[in-house]
Amino acid sequence: LFPYSAMTREQVMSVQQPLPMEDFDLIDLGEDYGQLSVFDLIGYYI
């Protein structure tokens, strides 16, 4: 089962580079809150 779960070298390289906060997709918080960006969530937490 190892070959089915192993990541390619390109996948490993891509996940080692952190994304800027602005590049994340919207996060769906359900019907009550809708979709928010990571920037808005971190601002609310601060």
ModelCIF file with pLDDT and N, C-alpha, C, O atoms, coordinates in Angstrom:
data_MODEL
#
_entry.id   MODEL 
#
_entity.id                         1 
_entity.type                       polymer 
_entity.pdbx_number_of_molecules   1 
#
_entity_poly.entity_id                      1 
_entity_poly.type                           'polypeptide(L)' 
_entity_poly.nstd_linkage                   no 
_entity_poly.nstd_monomer                   no 
_entity_poly.pdbx_seq_one_letter_code       LFPYSAMTREQVMSVQQPLPMEDFDLIDLGEDYGQLSVFDLIGYYI 
_entity_poly.pdbx_seq_one_letter_code_can   LFPYSAMTREQVMSVQQPLPMEDFDLIDLGEDYGQLSVFDLIGYYI 
_entity_poly.pdbx_strand_id                 A 
#
loop_
_entity_poly_seq.entity_id 
_entity_poly_seq.num 
_entity_poly_seq.mon_id 
_entity_poly_seq.hetero 
1 1  LEU n 
1 2  PHE n 
1 3  PRO n 
1 4  TYR n 
1 5  SER n 
1 6  ALA n 
1 7  MET n 
1 8  THR n 
1 9  ARG n 
1 10 GLU n 
1 11 GLN n 
1 12 VAL n 
1 13 MET n 
1 14 SER n 
1 15 VAL n 
1 16 GLN n 
1 17 GLN n 
1 18 PRO n 
1 19 LEU n 
1 20 PRO n 
1 21 MET n 
1 22 GLU n 
1 23 ASP n 
1 24 PHE n 
1 25 ASP n 
1 26 LEU n 
1 27 ILE n 
1 28 ASP n 
1 29 LEU n 
1 30 GLY n 
1 31 GLU n 
1 32 ASP n 
1 33 TYR n 
1 34 GLY n 
1 35 GLN n 
1 36 LEU n 
1 37 SER n 
1 38 VAL n 
1 39 PHE n 
1 40 ASP n 
1 41 LEU n 
1 42 ILE n 
1 43 GLY n 
1 44 TYR n 
1 45 TYR n 
1 46 ILE n 
#
_struct_asym.id          A 
_struct_asym.entity_id   1 
#
loop_
_ma_qa_metric.id 
_ma_qa_metric.mode 
_ma_qa_metric.name 
_ma_qa_metric.software_group_id 
_ma_qa_metric.type 
1 global pLDDT . pLDDT 
2 local  pLDDT . pLDDT 
#
_ma_qa_metric_global.metric_id      1 
_ma_qa_metric_global.metric_value   86.30 
_ma_qa_metric_global.model_id       1 
_ma_qa_metric_global.ordinal_id     1 
#
loop_
_ma_qa_metric_local.label_asym_id 
_ma_qa_metric_local.label_comp_id 
_ma_qa_metric_local.label_seq_id 
_ma_qa_metric_local.metric_id 
_ma_qa_metric_local.metric_value 
_ma_qa_metric_local.model_id 
_ma_qa_metric_local.ordinal_id 
A LEU 1  2 94.00 1 1  
A PHE 2  2 92.00 1 2  
A PRO 3  2 88.00 1 3  
A TYR 4  2 88.00 1 4  
A SER 5  2 87.00 1 5  
A ALA 6  2 87.00 1 6  
A MET 7  2 88.00 1 7  
A THR 8  2 88.00 1 8  
A ARG 9  2 89.00 1 9  
A GLU 10 2 90.00 1 10 
A GLN 11 2 88.00 1 11 
A VAL 12 2 88.00 1 12 
A MET 13 2 88.00 1 13 
A SER 14 2 85.00 1 14 
A VAL 15 2 86.00 1 15 
A GLN 16 2 89.00 1 16 
A GLN 17 2 85.00 1 17 
A PRO 18 2 86.00 1 18 
A LEU 19 2 82.00 1 19 
A PRO 20 2 82.00 1 20 
A MET 21 2 76.00 1 21 
A GLU 22 2 77.00 1 22 
A ASP 23 2 81.00 1 23 
A PHE 24 2 82.00 1 24 
A ASP 25 2 85.00 1 25 
A LEU 26 2 88.00 1 26 
A ILE 27 2 87.00 1 27 
A ASP 28 2 89.00 1 28 
A LEU 29 2 85.00 1 29 
A GLY 30 2 86.00 1 30 
A GLU 31 2 86.00 1 31 
A ASP 32 2 85.00 1 32 
A TYR 33 2 82.00 1 33 
A GLY 34 2 87.00 1 34 
A GLN 35 2 90.00 1 35 
A LEU 36 2 87.00 1 36 
A SER 37 2 86.00 1 37 
A VAL 38 2 85.00 1 38 
A PHE 39 2 84.00 1 39 
A ASP 40 2 87.00 1 40 
A LEU 41 2 86.00 1 41 
A ILE 42 2 87.00 1 42 
A GLY 43 2 88.00 1 43 
A TYR 44 2 87.00 1 44 
A TYR 45 2 87.00 1 45 
A ILE 46 2 90.00 1 46 
#
loop_
_atom_site.group_PDB 
_atom_site.id 
_atom_site.type_symbol 
_atom_site.label_atom_id 
_atom_site.label_alt_id 
_atom_site.label_comp_id 
_atom_site.label_asym_id 
_atom_site.label_entity_id 
_atom_site.label_seq_id 
_atom_site.pdbx_PDB_ins_code 
_atom_site.Cartn_x 
_atom_site.Cartn_y 
_atom_site.Cartn_z 
_atom_site.occupancy 
_atom_site.B_iso_or_equiv 
_atom_site.pdbx_formal_charge 
_atom_site.auth_seq_id 
_atom_site.auth_comp_id 
_atom_site.auth_asym_id 
_atom_site.auth_atom_id 
_atom_site.pdbx_PDB_model_num 
ATOM 1   N N  . LEU A 1 1  ? 0.801   -1.225 0.000  1.00 94.00 ? 1  LEU A N  1 
ATOM 2   C CA . LEU A 1 1  ? 0.000   0.000  0.000  1.00 94.00 ? 1  LEU A CA 1 
ATOM 3   C C  . LEU A 1 1  ? 0.838   1.281  0.000  1.00 94.00 ? 1  LEU A C  1 
ATOM 4   O O  . LEU A 1 1  ? 0.288   2.360  -0.219 1.00 94.00 ? 1  LEU A O  1 
ATOM 5   N N  . PHE A 1 2  ? 2.124   1.198  0.233  1.00 92.00 ? 2  PHE A N  1 
ATOM 6   C CA . PHE A 1 2  ? 2.962   2.400  0.301  1.00 92.00 ? 2  PHE A CA 1 
ATOM 7   C C  . PHE A 1 2  ? 2.930   3.238  -0.979 1.00 92.00 ? 2  PHE A C  1 
ATOM 8   O O  . PHE A 1 2  ? 2.802   4.459  -0.884 1.00 92.00 ? 2  PHE A O  1 
ATOM 9   N N  . PRO A 1 3  ? 3.041   2.647  -2.163 1.00 88.00 ? 3  PRO A N  1 
ATOM 10  C CA . PRO A 1 3  ? 3.026   3.486  -3.377 1.00 88.00 ? 3  PRO A CA 1 
ATOM 11  C C  . PRO A 1 3  ? 1.733   4.285  -3.545 1.00 88.00 ? 3  PRO A C  1 
ATOM 12  O O  . PRO A 1 3  ? 1.746   5.350  -4.162 1.00 88.00 ? 3  PRO A O  1 
ATOM 13  N N  . TYR A 1 4  ? 0.642   3.799  -3.016 1.00 88.00 ? 4  TYR A N  1 
ATOM 14  C CA . TYR A 1 4  ? -0.631  4.517  -3.148 1.00 88.00 ? 4  TYR A CA 1 
ATOM 15  C C  . TYR A 1 4  ? -0.732  5.698  -2.187 1.00 88.00 ? 4  TYR A C  1 
ATOM 16  O O  . TYR A 1 4  ? -1.521  6.615  -2.414 1.00 88.00 ? 4  TYR A O  1 
ATOM 17  N N  . SER A 1 5  ? 0.054   5.682  -1.124 1.00 87.00 ? 5  SER A N  1 
ATOM 18  C CA . SER A 1 5  ? -0.015  6.767  -0.147 1.00 87.00 ? 5  SER A CA 1 
ATOM 19  C C  . SER A 1 5  ? 1.178   7.723  -0.226 1.00 87.00 ? 5  SER A C  1 
ATOM 20  O O  . SER A 1 5  ? 1.144   8.798  0.374  1.00 87.00 ? 5  SER A O  1 
ATOM 21  N N  . ALA A 1 6  ? 2.206   7.355  -0.940 1.00 87.00 ? 6  ALA A N  1 
ATOM 22  C CA . ALA A 1 6  ? 3.402   8.191  -1.022 1.00 87.00 ? 6  ALA A CA 1 
ATOM 23  C C  . ALA A 1 6  ? 3.143   9.393  -1.933 1.00 87.00 ? 6  ALA A C  1 
ATOM 24  O O  . ALA A 1 6  ? 2.407   9.296  -2.915 1.00 87.00 ? 6  ALA A O  1 
ATOM 25  N N  . MET A 1 7  ? 3.757   10.519 -1.594 1.00 88.00 ? 7  MET A N  1 
ATOM 26  C CA . MET A 1 7  ? 3.635   11.730 -2.400 1.00 88.00 ? 7  MET A CA 1 
ATOM 27  C C  . MET A 1 7  ? 4.786   11.812 -3.388 1.00 88.00 ? 7  MET A C  1 
ATOM 28  O O  . MET A 1 7  ? 5.878   11.302 -3.134 1.00 88.00 ? 7  MET A O  1 
ATOM 29  N N  . THR A 1 8  ? 4.527   12.462 -4.520 1.00 88.00 ? 8  THR A N  1 
ATOM 30  C CA . THR A 1 8  ? 5.586   12.659 -5.498 1.00 88.00 ? 8  THR A CA 1 
ATOM 31  C C  . THR A 1 8  ? 6.534   13.748 -4.997 1.00 88.00 ? 8  THR A C  1 
ATOM 32  O O  . THR A 1 8  ? 6.216   14.478 -4.058 1.00 88.00 ? 8  THR A O  1 
ATOM 33  N N  . ARG A 1 9  ? 7.691   13.846 -5.630 1.00 89.00 ? 9  ARG A N  1 
ATOM 34  C CA . ARG A 1 9  ? 8.675   14.851 -5.237 1.00 89.00 ? 9  ARG A CA 1 
ATOM 35  C C  . ARG A 1 9  ? 8.107   16.265 -5.419 1.00 89.00 ? 9  ARG A C  1 
ATOM 36  O O  . ARG A 1 9  ? 8.386   17.150 -4.610 1.00 89.00 ? 9  ARG A O  1 
ATOM 37  N N  . GLU A 1 10 ? 7.314   16.482 -6.475 1.00 90.00 ? 10 GLU A N  1 
ATOM 38  C CA . GLU A 1 10 ? 6.717   17.797 -6.708 1.00 90.00 ? 10 GLU A CA 1 
ATOM 39  C C  . GLU A 1 10 ? 5.721   18.154 -5.602 1.00 90.00 ? 10 GLU A C  1 
ATOM 40  O O  . GLU A 1 10 ? 5.664   19.302 -5.163 1.00 90.00 ? 10 GLU A O  1 
ATOM 41  N N  . GLN A 1 11 ? 4.941   17.174 -5.157 1.00 88.00 ? 11 GLN A N  1 
ATOM 42  C CA . GLN A 1 11 ? 3.993   17.425 -4.074 1.00 88.00 ? 11 GLN A CA 1 
ATOM 43  C C  . GLN A 1 11 ? 4.717   17.772 -2.783 1.00 88.00 ? 11 GLN A C  1 
ATOM 44  O O  . GLN A 1 11 ? 4.293   18.672 -2.058 1.00 88.00 ? 11 GLN A O  1 
ATOM 45  N N  . VAL A 1 12 ? 5.802   17.069 -2.490 1.00 88.00 ? 12 VAL A N  1 
ATOM 46  C CA . VAL A 1 12 ? 6.569   17.342 -1.269 1.00 88.00 ? 12 VAL A CA 1 
ATOM 47  C C  . VAL A 1 12 ? 7.145   18.750 -1.323 1.00 88.00 ? 12 VAL A C  1 
ATOM 48  O O  . VAL A 1 12 ? 7.106   19.477 -0.331 1.00 88.00 ? 12 VAL A O  1 
ATOM 49  N N  . MET A 1 13 ? 7.679   19.136 -2.475 1.00 88.00 ? 13 MET A N  1 
ATOM 50  C CA . MET A 1 13 ? 8.260   20.477 -2.605 1.00 88.00 ? 13 MET A CA 1 
ATOM 51  C C  . MET A 1 13 ? 7.192   21.561 -2.481 1.00 88.00 ? 13 MET A C  1 
ATOM 52  O O  . MET A 1 13 ? 7.445   22.618 -1.903 1.00 88.00 ? 13 MET A O  1 
ATOM 53  N N  . SER A 1 14 ? 6.001   21.304 -3.019 1.00 85.00 ? 14 SER A N  1 
ATOM 54  C CA . SER A 1 14 ? 4.955   22.331 -2.978 1.00 85.00 ? 14 SER A CA 1 
ATOM 55  C C  . SER A 1 14 ? 4.392   22.525 -1.574 1.00 85.00 ? 14 SER A C  1 
ATOM 56  O O  . SER A 1 14 ? 4.009   23.641 -1.224 1.00 85.00 ? 14 SER A O  1 
ATOM 57  N N  . VAL A 1 15 ? 4.331   21.484 -0.771 1.00 86.00 ? 15 VAL A N  1 
ATOM 58  C CA . VAL A 1 15 ? 3.777   21.644 0.580  1.00 86.00 ? 15 VAL A CA 1 
ATOM 59  C C  . VAL A 1 15 ? 4.809   22.184 1.561  1.00 86.00 ? 15 VAL A C  1 
ATOM 60  O O  . VAL A 1 15 ? 4.450   22.574 2.672  1.00 86.00 ? 15 VAL A O  1 
ATOM 61  N N  . GLN A 1 16 ? 6.079   22.214 1.176  1.00 89.00 ? 16 GLN A N  1 
ATOM 62  C CA . GLN A 1 16 ? 7.089   22.771 2.064  1.00 89.00 ? 16 GLN A CA 1 
ATOM 63  C C  . GLN A 1 16 ? 7.169   24.286 1.971  1.00 89.00 ? 16 GLN A C  1 
ATOM 64  O O  . GLN A 1 16 ? 7.776   24.925 2.830  1.00 89.00 ? 16 GLN A O  1 
ATOM 65  N N  . GLN A 1 17 ? 6.569   24.867 0.946  1.00 85.00 ? 17 GLN A N  1 
ATOM 66  C CA . GLN A 1 17 ? 6.561   26.318 0.786  1.00 85.00 ? 17 GLN A CA 1 
ATOM 67  C C  . GLN A 1 17 ? 5.262   26.875 1.353  1.00 85.00 ? 17 GLN A C  1 
ATOM 68  O O  . GLN A 1 17 ? 4.193   26.552 0.835  1.00 85.00 ? 17 GLN A O  1 
ATOM 69  N N  . PRO A 1 18 ? 5.313   27.697 2.396  1.00 86.00 ? 18 PRO A N  1 
ATOM 70  C CA . PRO A 1 18 ? 4.083   28.240 2.961  1.00 86.00 ? 18 PRO A CA 1 
ATOM 71  C C  . PRO A 1 18 ? 3.435   29.235 1.990  1.00 86.00 ? 18 PRO A C  1 
ATOM 72  O O  . PRO A 1 18 ? 4.119   29.993 1.302  1.00 86.00 ? 18 PRO A O  1 
ATOM 73  N N  . LEU A 1 19 ? 2.108   29.211 1.956  1.00 82.00 ? 19 LEU A N  1 
ATOM 74  C CA . LEU A 1 19 ? 1.367   30.142 1.115  1.00 82.00 ? 19 LEU A CA 1 
ATOM 75  C C  . LEU A 1 19 ? 1.122   31.443 1.867  1.00 82.00 ? 19 LEU A C  1 
ATOM 76  O O  . LEU A 1 19 ? 0.956   31.435 3.087  1.00 82.00 ? 19 LEU A O  1 
ATOM 77  N N  . PRO A 1 20 ? 1.099   32.559 1.148  1.00 82.00 ? 20 PRO A N  1 
ATOM 78  C CA . PRO A 1 20 ? 0.682   33.797 1.805  1.00 82.00 ? 20 PRO A CA 1 
ATOM 79  C C  . PRO A 1 20 ? -0.798  33.704 2.187  1.00 82.00 ? 20 PRO A C  1 
ATOM 80  O O  . PRO A 1 20 ? -1.568  32.976 1.560  1.00 82.00 ? 20 PRO A O  1 
ATOM 81  N N  . MET A 1 21 ? -1.168  34.429 3.192  1.00 76.00 ? 21 MET A N  1 
ATOM 82  C CA . MET A 1 21 ? -2.525  34.367 3.712  1.00 76.00 ? 21 MET A CA 1 
ATOM 83  C C  . MET A 1 21 ? -3.559  34.731 2.643  1.00 76.00 ? 21 MET A C  1 
ATOM 84  O O  . MET A 1 21 ? -4.676  34.214 2.658  1.00 76.00 ? 21 MET A O  1 
ATOM 85  N N  . GLU A 1 22 ? -3.193  35.607 1.728  1.00 77.00 ? 22 GLU A N  1 
ATOM 86  C CA . GLU A 1 22 ? -4.128  36.072 0.721  1.00 77.00 ? 22 GLU A CA 1 
ATOM 87  C C  . GLU A 1 22 ? -4.405  35.025 -0.354 1.00 77.00 ? 22 GLU A C  1 
ATOM 88  O O  . GLU A 1 22 ? -5.401  35.134 -1.069 1.00 77.00 ? 22 GLU A O  1 
ATOM 89  N N  . ASP A 1 23 ? -3.546  34.011 -0.483 1.00 81.00 ? 23 ASP A N  1 
ATOM 90  C CA . ASP A 1 23 ? -3.707  33.014 -1.538 1.00 81.00 ? 23 ASP A CA 1 
ATOM 91  C C  . ASP A 1 23 ? -4.603  31.843 -1.149 1.00 81.00 ? 23 ASP A C  1 
ATOM 92  O O  . ASP A 1 23 ? -4.900  30.999 -1.994 1.00 81.00 ? 23 ASP A O  1 
ATOM 93  N N  . PHE A 1 24 ? -5.035  31.770 0.086  1.00 82.00 ? 24 PHE A N  1 
ATOM 94  C CA . PHE A 1 24 ? -5.915  30.687 0.500  1.00 82.00 ? 24 PHE A CA 1 
ATOM 95  C C  . PHE A 1 24 ? -7.306  30.899 -0.074 1.00 82.00 ? 24 PHE A C  1 
ATOM 96  O O  . PHE A 1 24 ? -7.733  32.032 -0.295 1.00 82.00 ? 24 PHE A O  1 
ATOM 97  N N  . ASP A 1 25 ? -8.005  29.800 -0.313 1.00 85.00 ? 25 ASP A N  1 
ATOM 98  C CA . ASP A 1 25 ? -9.391  29.877 -0.762 1.00 85.00 ? 25 ASP A CA 1 
ATOM 99  C C  . ASP A 1 25 ? -10.277 30.316 0.393  1.00 85.00 ? 25 ASP A C  1 
ATOM 100 O O  . ASP A 1 25 ? -9.848  30.350 1.547  1.00 85.00 ? 25 ASP A O  1 
ATOM 101 N N  . LEU A 1 26 ? -11.519 30.651 0.063  1.00 88.00 ? 26 LEU A N  1 
ATOM 102 C CA . LEU A 1 26 ? -12.476 30.996 1.112  1.00 88.00 ? 26 LEU A CA 1 
ATOM 103 C C  . LEU A 1 26 ? -12.817 29.753 1.918  1.00 88.00 ? 26 LEU A C  1 
ATOM 104 O O  . LEU A 1 26 ? -12.852 28.645 1.382  1.00 88.00 ? 26 LEU A O  1 
ATOM 105 N N  . ILE A 1 27 ? -13.065 29.940 3.189  1.00 87.00 ? 27 ILE A N  1 
ATOM 106 C CA . ILE A 1 27 ? -13.413 28.841 4.088  1.00 87.00 ? 27 ILE A CA 1 
ATOM 107 C C  . ILE A 1 27 ? -14.903 28.911 4.350  1.00 87.00 ? 27 ILE A C  1 
ATOM 108 O O  . ILE A 1 27 ? -15.423 29.953 4.748  1.00 87.00 ? 27 ILE A O  1 
ATOM 109 N N  . ASP A 1 28 ? -15.595 27.792 4.125  1.00 89.00 ? 28 ASP A N  1 
ATOM 110 C CA . ASP A 1 28 ? -17.037 27.741 4.325  1.00 89.00 ? 28 ASP A CA 1 
ATOM 111 C C  . ASP A 1 28 ? -17.329 27.428 5.784  1.00 89.00 ? 28 ASP A C  1 
ATOM 112 O O  . ASP A 1 28 ? -16.947 26.370 6.283  1.00 89.00 ? 28 ASP A O  1 
ATOM 113 N N  . LEU A 1 29 ? -18.007 28.346 6.472  1.00 85.00 ? 29 LEU A N  1 
ATOM 114 C CA . LEU A 1 29 ? -18.332 28.168 7.884  1.00 85.00 ? 29 LEU A CA 1 
ATOM 115 C C  . LEU A 1 29 ? -19.793 27.772 8.090  1.00 85.00 ? 29 LEU A C  1 
ATOM 116 O O  . LEU A 1 29 ? -20.318 27.885 9.198  1.00 85.00 ? 29 LEU A O  1 
ATOM 117 N N  . GLY A 1 30 ? -20.438 27.317 7.045  1.00 86.00 ? 30 GLY A N  1 
ATOM 118 C CA . GLY A 1 30 ? -21.805 26.853 7.172  1.00 86.00 ? 30 GLY A CA 1 
ATOM 119 C C  . GLY A 1 30 ? -22.819 27.923 6.827  1.00 86.00 ? 30 GLY A C  1 
ATOM 120 O O  . GLY A 1 30 ? -22.465 29.036 6.438  1.00 86.00 ? 30 GLY A O  1 
ATOM 121 N N  . GLU A 1 31 ? -24.087 27.571 6.975  1.00 86.00 ? 31 GLU A N  1 
ATOM 122 C CA . GLU A 1 31 ? -25.177 28.467 6.601  1.00 86.00 ? 31 GLU A CA 1 
ATOM 123 C C  . GLU A 1 31 ? -25.190 29.756 7.423  1.00 86.00 ? 31 GLU A C  1 
ATOM 124 O O  . GLU A 1 31 ? -25.508 30.823 6.897  1.00 86.00 ? 31 GLU A O  1 
ATOM 125 N N  . ASP A 1 32 ? -24.852 29.664 8.688  1.00 85.00 ? 32 ASP A N  1 
ATOM 126 C CA . ASP A 1 32 ? -24.965 30.817 9.572  1.00 85.00 ? 32 ASP A CA 1 
ATOM 127 C C  . ASP A 1 32 ? -23.962 31.920 9.246  1.00 85.00 ? 32 ASP A C  1 
ATOM 128 O O  . ASP A 1 32 ? -24.289 33.101 9.364  1.00 85.00 ? 32 ASP A O  1 
ATOM 129 N N  . TYR A 1 33 ? -22.758 31.559 8.840  1.00 82.00 ? 33 TYR A N  1 
ATOM 130 C CA . TYR A 1 33 ? -21.707 32.543 8.651  1.00 82.00 ? 33 TYR A CA 1 
ATOM 131 C C  . TYR A 1 33 ? -21.237 32.685 7.209  1.00 82.00 ? 33 TYR A C  1 
ATOM 132 O O  . TYR A 1 33 ? -20.609 33.689 6.870  1.00 82.00 ? 33 TYR A O  1 
ATOM 133 N N  . GLY A 1 34 ? -21.520 31.718 6.361  1.00 87.00 ? 34 GLY A N  1 
ATOM 134 C CA . GLY A 1 34 ? -21.115 31.798 4.964  1.00 87.00 ? 34 GLY A CA 1 
ATOM 135 C C  . GLY A 1 34 ? -19.637 31.519 4.778  1.00 87.00 ? 34 GLY A C  1 
ATOM 136 O O  . GLY A 1 34 ? -19.033 30.763 5.539  1.00 87.00 ? 34 GLY A O  1 
ATOM 137 N N  . GLN A 1 35 ? -19.055 32.144 3.747  1.00 90.00 ? 35 GLN A N  1 
ATOM 138 C CA . GLN A 1 35 ? -17.654 31.932 3.436  1.00 90.00 ? 35 GLN A CA 1 
ATOM 139 C C  . GLN A 1 35 ? -16.842 33.153 3.842  1.00 90.00 ? 35 GLN A C  1 
ATOM 140 O O  . GLN A 1 35 ? -17.236 34.294 3.601  1.00 90.00 ? 35 GLN A O  1 
ATOM 141 N N  . LEU A 1 36 ? -15.700 32.886 4.463  1.00 87.00 ? 36 LEU A N  1 
ATOM 142 C CA . LEU A 1 36 ? -14.812 33.956 4.900  1.00 87.00 ? 36 LEU A CA 1 
ATOM 143 C C  . LEU A 1 36 ? -13.397 33.663 4.436  1.00 87.00 ? 36 LEU A C  1 
ATOM 144 O O  . LEU A 1 36 ? -13.028 32.510 4.215  1.00 87.00 ? 36 LEU A O  1 
ATOM 145 N N  . SER A 1 37 ? -12.620 34.709 4.293  1.00 86.00 ? 37 SER A N  1 
ATOM 146 C CA . SER A 1 37 ? -11.218 34.524 3.942  1.00 86.00 ? 37 SER A CA 1 
ATOM 147 C C  . SER A 1 37 ? -10.404 34.286 5.218  1.00 86.00 ? 37 SER A C  1 
ATOM 148 O O  . SER A 1 37 ? -10.848 34.606 6.320  1.00 86.00 ? 37 SER A O  1 
ATOM 149 N N  . VAL A 1 38 ? -9.217  33.724 5.049  1.00 85.00 ? 38 VAL A N  1 
ATOM 150 C CA . VAL A 1 38 ? -8.324  33.495 6.184  1.00 85.00 ? 38 VAL A CA 1 
ATOM 151 C C  . VAL A 1 38 ? -7.928  34.829 6.799  1.00 85.00 ? 38 VAL A C  1 
ATOM 152 O O  . VAL A 1 38 ? -7.773  34.934 8.016  1.00 85.00 ? 38 VAL A O  1 
ATOM 153 N N  . PHE A 1 39 ? -7.764  35.845 5.965  1.00 84.00 ? 39 PHE A N  1 
ATOM 154 C CA . PHE A 1 39 ? -7.408  37.174 6.448  1.00 84.00 ? 39 PHE A CA 1 
ATOM 155 C C  . PHE A 1 39 ? -8.475  37.695 7.420  1.00 84.00 ? 39 PHE A C  1 
ATOM 156 O O  . PHE A 1 39 ? -8.139  38.239 8.472  1.00 84.00 ? 39 PHE A O  1 
ATOM 157 N N  . ASP A 1 40 ? -9.760  37.531 7.071  1.00 87.00 ? 40 ASP A N  1 
ATOM 158 C CA . ASP A 1 40 ? -10.844 37.978 7.951  1.00 87.00 ? 40 ASP A CA 1 
ATOM 159 C C  . ASP A 1 40 ? -10.880 37.178 9.249  1.00 87.00 ? 40 ASP A C  1 
ATOM 160 O O  . ASP A 1 40 ? -11.115 37.738 10.320 1.00 87.00 ? 40 ASP A O  1 
ATOM 161 N N  . LEU A 1 41 ? -10.645 35.857 9.155  1.00 86.00 ? 41 LEU A N  1 
ATOM 162 C CA . LEU A 1 41 ? -10.670 35.025 10.359 1.00 86.00 ? 41 LEU A CA 1 
ATOM 163 C C  . LEU A 1 41 ? -9.548  35.394 11.319 1.00 86.00 ? 41 LEU A C  1 
ATOM 164 O O  . LEU A 1 41 ? -9.769  35.459 12.528 1.00 86.00 ? 41 LEU A O  1 
ATOM 165 N N  . ILE A 1 42 ? -8.357  35.635 10.804 1.00 87.00 ? 42 ILE A N  1 
ATOM 166 C CA . ILE A 1 42 ? -7.234  36.001 11.662 1.00 87.00 ? 42 ILE A CA 1 
ATOM 167 C C  . ILE A 1 42 ? -7.462  37.394 12.262 1.00 87.00 ? 42 ILE A C  1 
ATOM 168 O O  . ILE A 1 42 ? -7.148  37.634 13.428 1.00 87.00 ? 42 ILE A O  1 
ATOM 169 N N  . GLY A 1 43 ? -8.006  38.297 11.460 1.00 88.00 ? 43 GLY A N  1 
ATOM 170 C CA . GLY A 1 43 ? -8.328  39.628 11.985 1.00 88.00 ? 43 GLY A CA 1 
ATOM 171 C C  . GLY A 1 43 ? -9.340  39.557 13.106 1.00 88.00 ? 43 GLY A C  1 
ATOM 172 O O  . GLY A 1 43 ? -9.216  40.275 14.099 1.00 88.00 ? 43 GLY A O  1 
ATOM 173 N N  . TYR A 1 44 ? -10.351 38.693 12.963 1.00 87.00 ? 44 TYR A N  1 
ATOM 174 C CA . TYR A 1 44 ? -11.340 38.533 14.023 1.00 87.00 ? 44 TYR A CA 1 
ATOM 175 C C  . TYR A 1 44 ? -10.685 37.956 15.274 1.00 87.00 ? 44 TYR A C  1 
ATOM 176 O O  . TYR A 1 44 ? -10.979 38.396 16.385 1.00 87.00 ? 44 TYR A O  1 
ATOM 177 N N  . TYR A 1 45 ? -9.801  36.976 15.104 1.00 87.00 ? 45 TYR A N  1 
ATOM 178 C CA . TYR A 1 45 ? -9.128  36.363 16.244 1.00 87.00 ? 45 TYR A CA 1 
ATOM 179 C C  . TYR A 1 45 ? -8.260  37.386 16.979 1.00 87.00 ? 45 TYR A C  1 
ATOM 180 O O  . TYR A 1 45 ? -8.196  37.377 18.208 1.00 87.00 ? 45 TYR A O  1 
ATOM 181 N N  . ILE A 1 46 ? -7.596  38.264 16.229 1.00 90.00 ? 46 ILE A N  1 
ATOM 182 C CA . ILE A 1 46 ? -6.748  39.281 16.858 1.00 90.00 ? 46 ILE A CA 1 
ATOM 183 C C  . ILE A 1 46 ? -7.609  40.285 17.617 1.00 90.00 ? 46 ILE A C  1 
ATOM 184 O O  . ILE A 1 46 ? -7.081  41.221 18.217 1.00 90.00 ? 46 ILE A O  1 
#
